[in-house]
Structures are given as C-alpha cells and as structure tokens.
Protein backbone atom coordinates (compact mmCIF):
# COMPACT_ATOMS: atom_id res chain seq x y z
CA MET A 1 17.20 -13.13 -7.50
CA ARG A 2 13.53 -13.74 -8.38
CA LYS A 3 10.82 -11.75 -6.68
CA LYS A 4 8.54 -13.69 -4.34
CA LEU A 5 4.73 -13.66 -4.43
CA LEU A 6 2.32 -15.03 -1.82
CA PHE A 7 -1.06 -15.95 -3.33
CA ILE A 8 -3.89 -16.37 -0.79
CA TYR A 9 -7.22 -17.47 -2.21
CA ASN A 10 -10.66 -18.54 -1.02
CA VAL A 11 -11.74 -21.41 -3.27
CA HIS A 12 -15.36 -21.16 -2.06
CA ALA A 13 -15.89 -17.45 -2.83
CA GLY A 14 -18.59 -16.47 -5.29
CA LYS A 15 -19.37 -19.34 -7.63
CA GLU A 16 -16.00 -21.03 -7.07
CA LEU A 17 -14.81 -19.76 -10.45
CA ILE A 18 -11.20 -19.79 -9.33
CA LYS A 19 -11.14 -23.59 -9.62
CA ASN A 20 -11.15 -23.24 -13.40
CA LYS A 21 -8.90 -20.17 -13.49
CA LEU A 22 -6.15 -21.17 -11.05
CA ALA A 23 -3.69 -22.55 -13.62
CA GLY A 24 -4.07 -19.46 -15.81
CA ILE A 25 -3.58 -17.13 -12.83
CA LEU A 26 -0.42 -18.91 -11.68
CA ASP A 27 0.92 -18.80 -15.24
CA ILE A 28 0.43 -15.01 -15.33
CA PHE A 29 2.31 -14.67 -12.03
CA ALA A 30 5.18 -16.86 -13.28
CA LYS A 31 5.47 -14.95 -16.56
CA ALA A 32 5.76 -11.74 -14.54
CA GLY A 33 8.92 -13.16 -12.97
CA TYR A 34 7.63 -14.25 -9.58
CA GLU A 35 8.44 -17.28 -7.47
CA ILE A 36 4.98 -18.25 -6.21
CA THR A 37 3.64 -19.64 -2.95
CA ALA A 38 -0.07 -20.50 -3.28
CA TYR A 39 -2.18 -20.88 -0.13
CA PRO A 40 -5.91 -21.81 -0.15
CA THR A 41 -7.63 -20.55 3.00
CA GLN A 42 -8.90 -23.25 5.36
CA ARG A 43 -11.11 -21.38 7.81
CA SER A 44 -12.33 -17.96 8.91
CA LYS A 45 -9.49 -15.51 9.73
CA ASP A 46 -6.98 -17.81 8.02
CA ALA A 47 -6.02 -15.16 5.44
CA GLU A 48 -5.51 -12.60 8.20
CA GLU A 49 -3.20 -14.89 10.15
CA LYS A 50 -1.21 -15.95 7.08
CA THR A 51 -0.72 -12.32 6.05
CA ARG A 52 0.29 -11.15 9.50
CA GLU A 53 2.82 -13.95 10.01
CA ASP A 54 4.32 -14.49 6.55
CA ALA A 55 3.90 -11.37 4.36
CA GLY A 56 7.34 -10.08 5.30
CA ASP A 57 8.99 -12.93 3.39
CA TYR A 58 7.50 -11.75 0.07
CA ASP A 59 7.63 -8.80 -2.32
CA LEU A 60 3.92 -8.91 -3.24
CA LEU A 61 0.80 -10.49 -1.77
CA VAL A 62 -2.11 -11.29 -4.09
CA CYS A 63 -5.45 -12.44 -2.71
CA SER A 64 -8.56 -13.78 -4.43
CA GLY A 65 -12.02 -14.06 -2.92
CA GLY A 66 -14.81 -11.76 -1.87
CA ASP A 67 -14.57 -8.49 0.04
CA GLY A 68 -14.29 -10.53 3.26
CA THR A 69 -11.09 -12.18 2.03
CA LEU A 70 -9.62 -8.79 1.14
CA ASP A 71 -10.65 -7.49 4.56
CA GLU A 72 -8.76 -10.32 6.28
CA VAL A 73 -5.62 -9.71 4.21
CA VAL A 74 -5.69 -5.96 4.82
CA THR A 75 -6.31 -6.50 8.55
CA GLY A 76 -3.32 -8.83 8.68
CA MET A 77 -1.22 -6.26 6.82
CA MET A 78 -2.31 -3.44 9.14
CA ASN A 79 -1.10 -5.51 12.09
CA ARG A 80 2.41 -5.60 10.62
CA THR A 81 5.14 -2.97 10.86
CA GLN A 82 6.59 -3.98 7.48
CA ARG A 83 3.88 -3.85 4.78
CA ILE A 84 4.00 -4.95 1.16
CA PRO A 85 1.66 -4.15 -1.77
CA ILE A 86 -1.55 -6.16 -2.18
CA GLY A 87 -3.02 -7.36 -5.47
CA TYR A 88 -6.70 -8.32 -5.53
CA ILE A 89 -8.50 -10.74 -7.85
CA PRO A 90 -12.23 -10.31 -7.03
CA ALA A 91 -14.20 -13.56 -6.91
CA GLY A 92 -17.12 -12.81 -4.57
CA SER A 93 -20.82 -12.18 -5.12
CA THR A 94 -20.74 -8.37 -4.99
CA ASN A 95 -17.11 -7.14 -4.92
CA ASP A 96 -17.91 -3.57 -3.89
CA PHE A 97 -14.38 -2.41 -3.27
CA ALA A 98 -13.02 -3.97 -6.46
CA ASN A 99 -15.62 -1.98 -8.38
CA SER A 100 -14.53 1.19 -6.61
CA LEU A 101 -10.91 0.54 -7.57
CA GLY A 102 -11.86 -0.13 -11.18
CA LEU A 103 -10.46 -3.67 -11.09
CA PRO A 104 -11.43 -5.97 -13.98
CA LYS A 105 -14.23 -8.48 -13.41
CA ASN A 106 -12.34 -10.98 -15.58
CA MET A 107 -10.14 -12.93 -13.14
CA LEU A 108 -7.21 -13.34 -15.55
CA HIS A 109 -7.25 -9.63 -16.37
CA ALA A 110 -7.32 -8.86 -12.64
CA ALA A 111 -4.34 -11.18 -12.15
CA ARG A 112 -2.38 -9.16 -14.72
CA VAL A 113 -3.24 -5.94 -12.90
CA ALA A 114 -2.07 -7.52 -9.63
CA VAL A 115 1.44 -8.16 -10.97
CA ARG A 116 1.85 -5.54 -13.71
CA GLY A 117 -0.27 -2.63 -12.46
CA GLU A 118 0.70 0.29 -10.24
CA SER A 119 0.34 0.64 -6.49
CA PHE A 120 -2.37 2.89 -5.06
CA PRO A 121 -1.97 4.10 -1.44
CA CYS A 122 -5.46 3.52 -0.03
CA ASP A 123 -7.11 4.75 3.17
CA ILE A 124 -7.98 2.04 5.70
CA GLY A 125 -10.45 2.28 8.58
CA ALA A 126 -9.70 1.44 12.20
CA PHE A 127 -12.72 0.20 14.16
CA ASN A 128 -11.86 0.01 17.86
CA ASP A 129 -9.14 -2.70 17.81
CA ASN A 130 -10.10 -3.98 14.36
CA PHE A 131 -9.82 -2.72 10.76
CA PHE A 132 -12.06 -2.45 7.69
CA VAL A 133 -11.35 -1.72 4.05
CA TYR A 134 -14.44 0.05 2.78
CA ILE A 135 -17.48 -0.15 5.09
CA ALA A 136 -18.48 -0.37 8.74
CA ALA A 137 -22.26 -0.50 9.15
CA PHE A 138 -25.08 -1.25 11.58
CA GLY A 139 -28.83 -1.66 11.39
CA ILE A 140 -31.30 -2.97 8.85
CA PHE A 141 -29.86 -5.19 6.08
CA THR A 142 -26.32 -5.18 7.49
CA ASP A 143 -26.45 -8.79 8.71
CA VAL A 144 -27.62 -10.03 5.31
CA SER A 145 -24.12 -10.63 3.93
CA TYR A 146 -22.96 -12.93 6.71
CA LEU A 147 -26.32 -14.65 7.38
CA THR A 148 -27.08 -15.48 3.73
CA PRO A 149 -25.87 -19.06 3.09
CA GLN A 150 -22.85 -19.28 0.77
CA GLU A 151 -24.73 -21.76 -1.45
CA ARG A 152 -27.48 -19.23 -2.07
CA LYS A 153 -24.93 -16.52 -2.86
CA ASN A 154 -23.26 -18.83 -5.37
CA VAL A 155 -26.53 -19.56 -7.17
CA LEU A 156 -28.19 -16.14 -7.07
CA GLY A 157 -25.28 -13.75 -6.72
CA HIS A 158 -26.29 -10.22 -5.65
CA MET A 159 -29.99 -11.11 -5.85
CA ALA A 160 -29.49 -13.38 -2.83
CA TYR A 161 -28.73 -10.31 -0.71
CA VAL A 162 -31.81 -8.50 -1.97
CA LEU A 163 -34.15 -11.43 -1.30
CA GLU A 164 -32.73 -12.01 2.15
CA GLY A 165 -32.89 -8.30 2.99
CA VAL A 166 -36.58 -7.90 2.09
CA LYS A 167 -37.46 -10.06 5.10
CA ARG A 168 -36.06 -7.39 7.41
CA LEU A 169 -38.56 -4.72 6.36
CA TYR A 170 -41.22 -6.15 8.64
CA SER A 171 -39.11 -6.06 11.81
CA ILE A 172 -37.17 -2.81 11.75
CA LYS A 173 -35.03 -2.24 14.85
CA SER A 174 -33.61 1.14 15.73
CA TYR A 175 -31.03 2.51 18.15
CA ARG A 176 -30.81 5.74 20.13
CA ILE A 177 -27.33 6.92 19.23
CA ARG A 178 -24.97 9.78 20.01
CA VAL A 179 -22.42 10.53 17.28
CA THR A 180 -19.45 12.83 17.86
CA TYR A 181 -17.13 13.84 15.03
CA ASP A 182 -14.73 16.51 13.74
CA ASP A 183 -12.55 16.38 16.88
CA ASP A 184 -15.63 16.32 19.15
CA SER A 185 -16.81 19.67 17.80
CA LYS A 186 -20.01 18.29 16.25
CA ILE A 187 -22.65 16.10 17.90
CA ILE A 188 -25.72 14.29 16.55
CA GLU A 189 -28.29 12.48 18.72
CA ASP A 190 -31.22 10.65 17.17
CA GLU A 191 -33.00 7.33 16.60
CA PHE A 192 -31.40 5.46 13.69
CA MET A 193 -32.34 2.27 11.86
CA PHE A 194 -29.16 2.22 9.75
CA GLY A 195 -25.72 3.76 9.64
CA MET A 196 -22.61 3.28 7.53
CA VAL A 197 -19.10 4.67 7.46
CA THR A 198 -17.66 4.08 4.00
CA ASN A 199 -14.64 4.52 1.77
CA SER A 200 -16.14 3.17 -1.44
CA ARG A 201 -18.00 4.24 -4.56
CA SER A 202 -20.20 1.13 -4.39
CA VAL A 203 -22.09 -0.38 -1.45
CA GLY A 204 -24.12 -3.58 -1.72
CA GLY A 205 -23.67 -3.56 -5.49
CA PHE A 206 -25.21 -0.09 -5.83
CA LYS A 207 -22.94 2.65 -7.14
CA SER A 208 -23.01 6.22 -5.84
CA ILE A 209 -25.42 5.38 -3.03
CA ILE A 210 -23.20 7.24 -0.58
CA GLY A 211 -22.79 10.38 -2.64
CA LYS A 212 -20.72 11.62 -5.52
CA HIS A 213 -17.03 12.49 -5.79
CA VAL A 214 -15.85 9.77 -3.39
CA VAL A 215 -12.05 9.68 -3.16
CA LEU A 216 -10.39 6.59 -1.69
CA ASP A 217 -7.18 8.26 -0.51
CA ASP A 218 -8.32 11.62 0.89
CA GLY A 219 -8.18 10.78 4.59
CA VAL A 220 -11.93 11.06 5.24
CA PHE A 221 -14.93 8.73 5.29
CA GLU A 222 -18.43 9.26 3.91
CA VAL A 223 -20.94 8.81 6.75
CA THR A 224 -24.66 8.11 6.20
CA LEU A 225 -27.14 7.79 9.09
CA ILE A 226 -30.78 6.96 8.36
CA LYS A 227 -33.43 7.88 10.91
CA LYS A 228 -36.08 5.47 12.11
CA PRO A 229 -39.29 5.96 10.08
CA THR A 230 -42.37 6.75 12.16
CA ASN A 231 -44.86 5.41 9.61
CA PRO A 232 -44.98 3.37 6.33
CA ILE A 233 -44.97 6.56 4.25
CA GLU A 234 -41.65 7.67 5.71
CA LEU A 235 -40.20 4.17 5.18
CA ASN A 236 -41.26 4.31 1.54
CA GLU A 237 -39.66 7.75 1.14
CA ILE A 238 -36.39 6.44 2.57
CA LEU A 239 -36.33 3.37 0.33
CA SER A 240 -37.20 5.47 -2.70
CA SER A 241 -34.33 7.86 -1.93
CA LEU A 242 -31.89 4.96 -1.73
CA LEU A 243 -33.10 3.43 -4.98
CA ILE A 244 -32.70 6.66 -6.92
CA LYS A 245 -29.42 7.41 -5.09
CA GLU A 246 -30.64 10.71 -3.73
CA ILE A 247 -29.86 11.98 -0.25
CA ASN A 248 -33.07 12.89 1.58
CA THR A 249 -32.01 15.25 4.37
CA LYS A 250 -35.41 14.94 6.05
CA HIS A 251 -34.64 11.33 6.91
CA MET A 252 -30.84 11.15 6.75
CA TYR A 253 -27.67 12.71 8.05
CA THR A 254 -24.68 12.71 5.71
CA PHE A 255 -21.22 14.14 6.32
CA ARG A 256 -17.51 13.48 5.82
CA THR A 257 -14.98 13.08 8.59
CA GLY A 258 -11.63 11.54 9.43
CA SER A 259 -12.85 10.08 12.73
CA LEU A 260 -16.01 9.64 14.78
CA HIS A 261 -17.24 8.22 18.08
CA ILE A 262 -20.56 6.37 18.25
CA GLU A 263 -22.27 5.64 21.58
CA CYS A 264 -25.40 3.66 22.43
CA ARG A 265 -26.75 2.29 25.71
CA GLU A 266 -27.45 -1.10 24.16
CA GLU A 267 -25.05 -3.22 22.18
CA ILE A 268 -25.24 -2.74 18.42
CA PRO A 269 -24.25 -5.53 15.99
CA TRP A 270 -21.83 -4.22 13.37
CA THR A 271 -20.75 -5.44 9.96
CA LEU A 272 -17.21 -4.82 8.69
CA ASP A 273 -16.74 -5.38 4.95
CA GLY A 274 -19.65 -7.83 4.91
CA GLU A 275 -18.49 -9.87 7.90
CA PHE A 276 -19.75 -9.81 11.49
CA GLY A 277 -17.80 -7.18 13.44
CA GLY A 278 -19.13 -7.86 16.94
CA GLU A 279 -21.62 -6.06 19.20
CA HIS A 280 -20.57 -2.77 20.78
CA THR A 281 -21.92 0.08 22.90
CA HIS A 282 -18.95 2.34 22.08
CA VAL A 283 -17.24 2.50 18.71
CA PHE A 284 -14.33 4.71 17.70
CA ILE A 285 -13.63 4.84 13.96
CA GLU A 286 -10.55 6.50 12.50
CA ASN A 287 -9.22 6.89 8.97
CA HIS A 288 -5.62 5.66 8.50
CA HIS A 289 -4.62 7.84 5.57
CA GLN A 290 -3.02 5.95 2.64
CA ALA A 291 -2.06 3.09 4.95
CA VAL A 292 -1.97 0.16 2.48
CA GLU A 293 -0.84 -0.06 -1.15
CA ILE A 294 -3.25 -1.90 -3.48
CA MET A 295 -2.40 -2.71 -7.09
CA VAL A 296 -4.63 -1.02 -9.68
CA LYS A 297 -4.66 -0.77 -13.46
CA LYS A 298 -2.22 1.60 -15.14
CA PRO A 299 -4.00 4.07 -17.44
CA GLU A 300 -2.16 2.76 -20.52
CA MET A 301 -2.45 -0.92 -19.55
CA ALA A 302 -3.87 -3.31 -22.17
CA LEU A 303 -5.44 -6.45 -20.70
CA ARG A 304 -5.20 -9.24 -23.26
C-alpha cells in the first residue's frame, strides 16, 4: 500500500516561485513513492485548519510558504493527539527557521529533503492558548512582518522589512514589564522597548543575533529583553550591538529558560512567527520539548 502525503502550499508566499516549481516538486514526491494530495491555501489560518482536521489520514505532511505557513501547520499539528512528521519547503521572504534547520534554499532540493531526509524532534513554544515555532516577540519592529504589504515583500525581499522598520525609530514605545522565570525563582522588572523569546539561530534574516550555541531541541528558549533608551546615544549603542551581534548587558537582559510569565498593566501587541499574535496583559510561554518532528537533511544526503 502506497504511503500518503498531504502537500499544503501558499502560492502567494515570497515571490510566488512555487508556481514554476510545482510540477517538479510533485514529481519528486511521486518518485519517492507517495500518493499525493495537494492543497493550496485559500485564506489566513487555512493551513492550520487543514492540518488539524486531515493530517491523521496521511503518513507525511509537507508545507511550502513562509514562516507563517509553517507556523499554521505546526499549530494545527500541536492541536492533534496523533502527529505525523512535517516537511518544509521554504518560499517566504526571510525563512528564519528554515535557515536554522539548514534546509536548502533551492525548492526542489528542499522537496527531496522533505521526503528523503530524516526526522528531527523539534521544540515548540506554547503561548497562552496558541503556539509558535521559533519566535514570540513584542515591541519595536515586531509588527513590520505583518504590516508590510505582500507585494513589497515580493519585490524587495528582506530589504522590505528593513525599510519598513526604519520608520519605527522615531516613535519608540516601551512597556513596564514584570518577567518571572525559572519556576518563579527569578524576577525582572524594567521598561522595555523590545523582547523576544526564540528557538532559532536566525531572527529577521540575521544569524546569531540571539547568541551562540543555540540548540533547537534542548527544551529551553533564548530570551532577549532590550531596555528603553533614555537618549539618542543609548539608542545608537543598542542598534550598534544588534548589528555586530554582540550582547550589551548595560541595555539588555539575556537568559535561557523553559518557561516564563510576562505581565504588563497595558495590553502589548505580540508577533508569533511573523504573524500578529494578539494583544495581551499576561503571557505564559512554555517550551514543549521535542514536540513535533520536522524533516531535515541527512548528513550523507546528495541533493541533485
């Protein structure tokens, strides 16, 4: 009996490259011995719903799109009791998590990894009643990914995020926040303009910005909290630290933890994997250790 594969793809992701690669991708799946069901997403949260309702009928689910598409598929999978491996063909503008996993940028090569690679048990983040794959963030720049028009992303790629983000420098908003972590044994209270909880080696297209030696299956997140600058000199120091990928402890808190609780008197808008995650006064984030299997390249794998 042939194995079954569900292929969920976002035709509008990135520069819509999948339109020219679709036949080749399906051919790779078929040659790997799969009976294929292909489903192009129709609206927001469509991939999540399709995964949650139908993944149990298949042996493998492969998705193609940006990090938001992967987020929807993983969220749908996390809301199932029976989970199957996920293959990922990156097709977005930045593809942070794909870079962290070492997935090929070439879509056909990534398709081969999806069906012929090996499964990697990856940590997944719970965010209140939601989930995220590699980043939950608030503050300056975090709304750029979902407010930047798709057309501009398609034309400019990662530069679109940079250009859109520069506008935010002149209207920095901050939040008075209380952070509790390590089973409530440690507490931080301060004024922050930015915060991120990550499980990735790349954020916003920049590698190693959240520290070195990041492991994607160790049960802990990397947390970075950036204080509100009190003058232009401090703002410049913070931006310089980020550009050279150096943690400046005078302006930042950084630590690793498996869970944390974030409280603020006013509602904070959050971004989950580049998509709007709602506004919250209380957020509880927890690492679900090795919760989902994602297909990655075998060390000896030749991609031709």
